[in-house]
Every structure is written in structure tokens, then in C-alpha cells.
């Protein structure tokens, strides 16, 4: 079942504690819409805090990765200001 909740399309689940990170992008008006993809998990890995990484530009926005421990989720966003989004993510989630 598909529906939207505060700018996030709900077709797939979102990594635990990751929805708050995505909602922050909506609140800061960095994105218009968020489309989470499937969640992929590997058996190894330590639990940790969720984090976002900017992958690449798409025709309507960008592809991000939402990570927590060994779990990874692709997240597609619609935005008109890719550069501000990229700068925000890189400054917030420095290594």
C-alpha cells in the first residue's frame, strides 16, 4: 500500500530511527518529496546511529543512502536545490 506522510512516500518501511533524519530534510525545505527504497541487510555489522550519505544526482533530485549498522536503504528525493542538500548532508555526517 502506498501513501504519503509529511513528504515521505510510504511504500517500503524505513530503517529504524531513520525517519527522523528524513523528516529533517523536509522541515528544512531541502527536499519536496522522499521515496524510500527496499532495505538491504548483511549479517555482519554493529548497531549504530542512522546516517545519510549523498550518492548522486538524478533527473528529479538525488539518490541518498540511509545506513544503520549493516543495514542500508536507498532513498530517492525530489529537490530543486541539490547543492544545498549535498552540503547539508556532508556537513552533518562527516566521518
N, C-alpha and C. Protein backbone atom coordinates (compact mmCIF):
# COMPACT_ATOMS: atom_id res chain seq x y z
N UNK A 1 0.84 -1.18 0.00
CA UNK A 1 0.00 0.00 0.00
C UNK A 1 0.89 1.25 0.00
N UNK A 2 0.57 2.20 -0.83
CA UNK A 2 1.36 3.42 -0.93
C UNK A 2 0.57 4.59 -0.36
N UNK A 3 1.24 5.44 0.39
CA UNK A 3 0.65 6.69 0.85
C UNK A 3 1.76 7.62 1.27
N UNK A 4 1.43 8.89 1.48
CA UNK A 4 2.44 9.88 1.88
C UNK A 4 2.16 10.35 3.30
N UNK A 5 3.24 10.57 4.03
CA UNK A 5 3.14 11.12 5.38
C UNK A 5 4.21 12.19 5.51
N UNK A 6 3.79 13.44 5.56
CA UNK A 6 4.70 14.58 5.72
C UNK A 6 5.85 14.54 4.71
N UNK A 7 5.54 14.33 3.45
CA UNK A 7 6.55 14.38 2.41
C UNK A 7 7.26 13.08 2.13
N UNK A 8 6.99 12.03 2.91
CA UNK A 8 7.66 10.75 2.71
C UNK A 8 6.65 9.74 2.15
N UNK A 9 6.98 9.20 0.99
CA UNK A 9 6.13 8.19 0.39
C UNK A 9 6.31 6.88 1.16
N UNK A 10 5.21 6.29 1.59
CA UNK A 10 5.27 5.08 2.41
C UNK A 10 4.91 3.85 1.58
N UNK A 11 5.89 3.36 0.82
CA UNK A 11 5.70 2.11 0.09
C UNK A 11 6.51 1.02 0.76
N UNK A 12 7.68 1.38 1.25
CA UNK A 12 8.54 0.45 1.96
C UNK A 12 8.74 0.99 3.38
N UNK A 13 9.11 0.09 4.27
CA UNK A 13 9.44 0.53 5.62
C UNK A 13 10.70 1.38 5.56
N UNK A 14 10.99 2.07 6.65
CA UNK A 14 12.20 2.88 6.74
C UNK A 14 13.04 2.31 7.87
N UNK A 15 14.36 2.31 7.68
CA UNK A 15 15.28 1.82 8.70
C UNK A 15 14.94 2.44 10.04
N UNK A 16 15.03 1.63 11.07
CA UNK A 16 14.72 2.09 12.43
C UNK A 16 15.49 3.37 12.76
N UNK A 17 14.80 4.34 13.27
CA UNK A 17 15.33 5.65 13.65
C UNK A 17 15.73 6.52 12.45
N UNK A 18 15.50 6.06 11.24
CA UNK A 18 15.88 6.83 10.06
C UNK A 18 14.85 7.85 9.62
N UNK A 19 13.59 7.64 10.00
CA UNK A 19 12.55 8.56 9.56
C UNK A 19 12.79 9.97 10.08
N UNK A 20 13.33 10.10 11.28
CA UNK A 20 13.61 11.43 11.84
C UNK A 20 14.62 12.18 10.98
N UNK A 21 15.63 11.47 10.46
CA UNK A 21 16.63 12.11 9.60
C UNK A 21 15.98 12.61 8.32
N UNK A 22 15.11 11.80 7.76
CA UNK A 22 14.43 12.18 6.52
C UNK A 22 13.46 13.34 6.75
N UNK A 23 12.75 13.32 7.87
CA UNK A 23 11.83 14.41 8.19
C UNK A 23 12.58 15.73 8.35
N UNK A 24 13.80 15.67 8.85
CA UNK A 24 14.59 16.89 9.00
C UNK A 24 14.83 17.54 7.63
N UNK A 25 15.06 16.73 6.59
CA UNK A 25 15.26 17.27 5.25
C UNK A 25 14.01 17.98 4.74
N UNK A 26 12.84 17.42 5.08
CA UNK A 26 11.57 18.05 4.68
C UNK A 26 11.37 19.35 5.46
N UNK A 27 11.60 19.32 6.77
CA UNK A 27 11.40 20.51 7.61
C UNK A 27 12.30 21.66 7.19
N UNK A 28 13.52 21.35 6.79
CA UNK A 28 14.46 22.38 6.36
C UNK A 28 14.23 22.80 4.91
N UNK A 29 13.20 22.23 4.30
CA UNK A 29 12.82 22.52 2.93
C UNK A 29 13.94 22.24 1.93
N UNK A 30 14.74 21.22 2.23
CA UNK A 30 15.80 20.81 1.32
C UNK A 30 15.26 19.86 0.25
N UNK A 31 14.14 19.19 0.55
CA UNK A 31 13.52 18.27 -0.40
C UNK A 31 12.02 18.49 -0.42
N UNK A 32 11.41 18.16 -1.56
CA UNK A 32 9.96 18.25 -1.70
C UNK A 32 9.29 16.93 -1.38
N UNK A 33 9.96 15.84 -1.74
CA UNK A 33 9.37 14.52 -1.56
C UNK A 33 10.48 13.50 -1.36
N UNK A 34 10.16 12.43 -0.62
CA UNK A 34 11.12 11.37 -0.30
C UNK A 34 10.50 10.03 -0.66
N UNK A 35 11.24 9.21 -1.41
CA UNK A 35 10.76 7.89 -1.79
C UNK A 35 11.77 6.85 -1.31
N UNK A 36 11.49 6.19 -0.17
CA UNK A 36 12.40 5.17 0.34
C UNK A 36 12.34 3.90 -0.52
N UNK A 37 13.49 3.27 -0.70
CA UNK A 37 13.57 2.01 -1.43
C UNK A 37 13.59 0.83 -0.47
N UNK A 38 13.93 -0.32 -1.01
CA UNK A 38 14.00 -1.53 -0.20
C UNK A 38 15.17 -1.47 0.77
N UNK A 39 15.01 -2.19 1.88
CA UNK A 39 16.05 -2.27 2.90
C UNK A 39 16.89 -3.52 2.65
N UNK A 40 18.21 -3.35 2.67
CA UNK A 40 19.13 -4.48 2.48
C UNK A 40 19.97 -4.64 3.74
N UNK A 41 20.06 -5.87 4.21
CA UNK A 41 20.81 -6.14 5.43
C UNK A 41 21.84 -7.22 5.18
N UNK A 42 23.02 -7.04 5.74
CA UNK A 42 24.03 -8.09 5.72
C UNK A 42 24.16 -8.65 7.13
N UNK A 43 24.56 -9.90 7.27
CA UNK A 43 24.59 -10.49 8.60
C UNK A 43 25.61 -9.88 9.55
N UNK A 44 26.67 -9.30 9.01
CA UNK A 44 27.71 -8.73 9.87
C UNK A 44 27.45 -7.24 10.08
N UNK A 45 27.94 -6.74 11.15
CA UNK A 45 27.83 -5.31 11.39
C UNK A 45 27.39 -5.01 12.80
N UNK A 46 27.79 -3.85 13.26
CA UNK A 46 27.46 -3.41 14.60
C UNK A 46 26.30 -2.43 14.53
N UNK A 47 25.41 -2.49 15.51
CA UNK A 47 24.34 -1.48 15.52
C UNK A 47 24.96 -0.10 15.74
N UNK A 48 24.32 0.89 15.21
CA UNK A 48 24.83 2.25 15.37
C UNK A 48 23.73 3.25 15.12
N UNK A 49 24.13 4.49 15.06
CA UNK A 49 23.17 5.55 14.77
C UNK A 49 22.93 5.63 13.27
N UNK A 50 21.73 5.98 12.86
CA UNK A 50 21.46 6.12 11.44
C UNK A 50 22.21 7.33 10.87
N UNK A 51 22.59 7.24 9.60
CA UNK A 51 23.26 8.35 8.94
C UNK A 51 22.91 8.35 7.46
N UNK A 52 23.00 9.50 6.86
CA UNK A 52 22.71 9.66 5.44
C UNK A 52 23.99 9.95 4.68
N UNK A 53 24.07 9.45 3.45
CA UNK A 53 25.14 9.82 2.54
C UNK A 53 24.53 10.18 1.20
N UNK A 54 25.12 11.15 0.55
CA UNK A 54 24.67 11.61 -0.77
C UNK A 54 25.38 10.74 -1.80
N UNK A 55 24.62 10.07 -2.67
CA UNK A 55 25.22 9.20 -3.67
C UNK A 55 25.45 9.91 -5.00
N UNK A 56 24.35 10.34 -5.63
CA UNK A 56 24.49 11.01 -6.92
C UNK A 56 23.20 11.75 -7.27
N UNK A 57 23.33 12.64 -8.26
CA UNK A 57 22.18 13.39 -8.76
C UNK A 57 21.31 12.49 -9.64
N UNK A 58 20.01 12.72 -9.62
CA UNK A 58 19.08 12.06 -10.54
C UNK A 58 18.38 13.16 -11.34
N UNK A 59 17.56 12.77 -12.28
CA UNK A 59 16.90 13.77 -13.12
C UNK A 59 15.96 14.67 -12.31
N UNK A 60 15.39 14.15 -11.23
CA UNK A 60 14.45 14.95 -10.44
C UNK A 60 14.98 15.32 -9.05
N UNK A 61 16.18 14.89 -8.73
CA UNK A 61 16.72 15.18 -7.40
C UNK A 61 18.02 14.47 -7.14
N UNK A 62 17.95 13.51 -6.19
CA UNK A 62 19.18 12.82 -5.81
C UNK A 62 18.87 11.46 -5.21
N UNK A 63 19.90 10.61 -5.23
CA UNK A 63 19.83 9.32 -4.54
C UNK A 63 20.70 9.43 -3.29
N UNK A 64 20.11 9.07 -2.16
CA UNK A 64 20.82 9.05 -0.88
C UNK A 64 20.87 7.62 -0.38
N UNK A 65 21.77 7.35 0.55
CA UNK A 65 21.78 6.08 1.26
C UNK A 65 21.54 6.36 2.73
N UNK A 66 20.61 5.64 3.30
CA UNK A 66 20.33 5.68 4.73
C UNK A 66 20.94 4.42 5.32
N UNK A 67 21.86 4.58 6.27
CA UNK A 67 22.60 3.44 6.83
C UNK A 67 22.45 3.40 8.34
N UNK A 68 22.36 2.18 8.83
CA UNK A 68 22.39 1.96 10.28
C UNK A 68 23.00 0.59 10.49
N UNK A 69 24.19 0.57 11.08
CA UNK A 69 24.91 -0.69 11.25
C UNK A 69 25.17 -1.31 9.90
N UNK A 70 24.74 -2.57 9.71
CA UNK A 70 24.95 -3.27 8.44
C UNK A 70 23.73 -3.17 7.53
N UNK A 71 22.78 -2.35 7.89
CA UNK A 71 21.56 -2.18 7.11
C UNK A 71 21.65 -0.92 6.25
N UNK A 72 21.28 -1.06 4.98
CA UNK A 72 21.36 0.05 4.04
C UNK A 72 20.04 0.16 3.29
N UNK A 73 19.61 1.40 3.08
CA UNK A 73 18.40 1.65 2.33
C UNK A 73 18.63 2.77 1.33
N UNK A 74 18.26 2.53 0.08
CA UNK A 74 18.31 3.58 -0.92
C UNK A 74 17.14 4.52 -0.68
N UNK A 75 17.39 5.81 -0.81
CA UNK A 75 16.35 6.81 -0.63
C UNK A 75 16.46 7.80 -1.79
N UNK A 76 15.37 7.94 -2.52
CA UNK A 76 15.34 8.90 -3.63
C UNK A 76 14.57 10.12 -3.18
N UNK A 77 15.12 11.30 -3.48
CA UNK A 77 14.47 12.55 -3.07
C UNK A 77 14.25 13.44 -4.28
N UNK A 78 13.18 14.21 -4.20
CA UNK A 78 12.89 15.21 -5.21
C UNK A 78 13.27 16.56 -4.61
N UNK A 79 14.15 17.26 -5.31
CA UNK A 79 14.63 18.55 -4.83
C UNK A 79 15.01 19.43 -6.01
N UNK A 80 14.91 20.73 -5.81
CA UNK A 80 15.36 21.68 -6.82
C UNK A 80 16.72 22.25 -6.47
N UNK A 81 17.21 21.96 -5.27
CA UNK A 81 18.49 22.52 -4.81
C UNK A 81 19.41 21.39 -4.33
N UNK A 82 19.93 20.65 -5.29
CA UNK A 82 20.80 19.51 -4.96
C UNK A 82 22.04 19.94 -4.18
N UNK A 83 22.59 21.09 -4.55
CA UNK A 83 23.83 21.55 -3.92
C UNK A 83 23.64 21.82 -2.43
N UNK A 84 22.55 22.48 -2.05
CA UNK A 84 22.29 22.75 -0.63
C UNK A 84 22.04 21.45 0.13
N UNK A 85 21.33 20.52 -0.50
CA UNK A 85 21.07 19.22 0.12
C UNK A 85 22.39 18.48 0.35
N UNK A 86 23.22 18.45 -0.66
CA UNK A 86 24.51 17.76 -0.57
C UNK A 86 25.38 18.39 0.52
N UNK A 87 25.46 19.71 0.56
CA UNK A 87 26.27 20.40 1.58
C UNK A 87 25.75 20.11 2.98
N UNK A 88 24.42 20.11 3.15
CA UNK A 88 23.83 19.84 4.47
C UNK A 88 24.19 18.42 4.92
N UNK A 89 24.01 17.45 4.05
CA UNK A 89 24.30 16.06 4.43
C UNK A 89 25.78 15.88 4.72
N UNK A 90 26.64 16.42 3.88
CA UNK A 90 28.08 16.26 4.10
C UNK A 90 28.56 16.94 5.37
N UNK A 91 27.98 18.10 5.71
CA UNK A 91 28.40 18.79 6.92
C UNK A 91 27.87 18.10 8.18
N UNK A 92 26.70 17.53 8.08
CA UNK A 92 26.08 16.88 9.25
C UNK A 92 26.66 15.51 9.53
N UNK A 93 27.06 14.79 8.49
CA UNK A 93 27.52 13.40 8.65
C UNK A 93 28.96 13.22 8.22
N UNK A 94 29.83 14.14 8.65
CA UNK A 94 31.26 14.00 8.37
C UNK A 94 31.79 12.74 9.04
N UNK A 95 32.79 12.14 8.42
CA UNK A 95 33.39 10.93 9.00
C UNK A 95 34.16 11.23 10.24
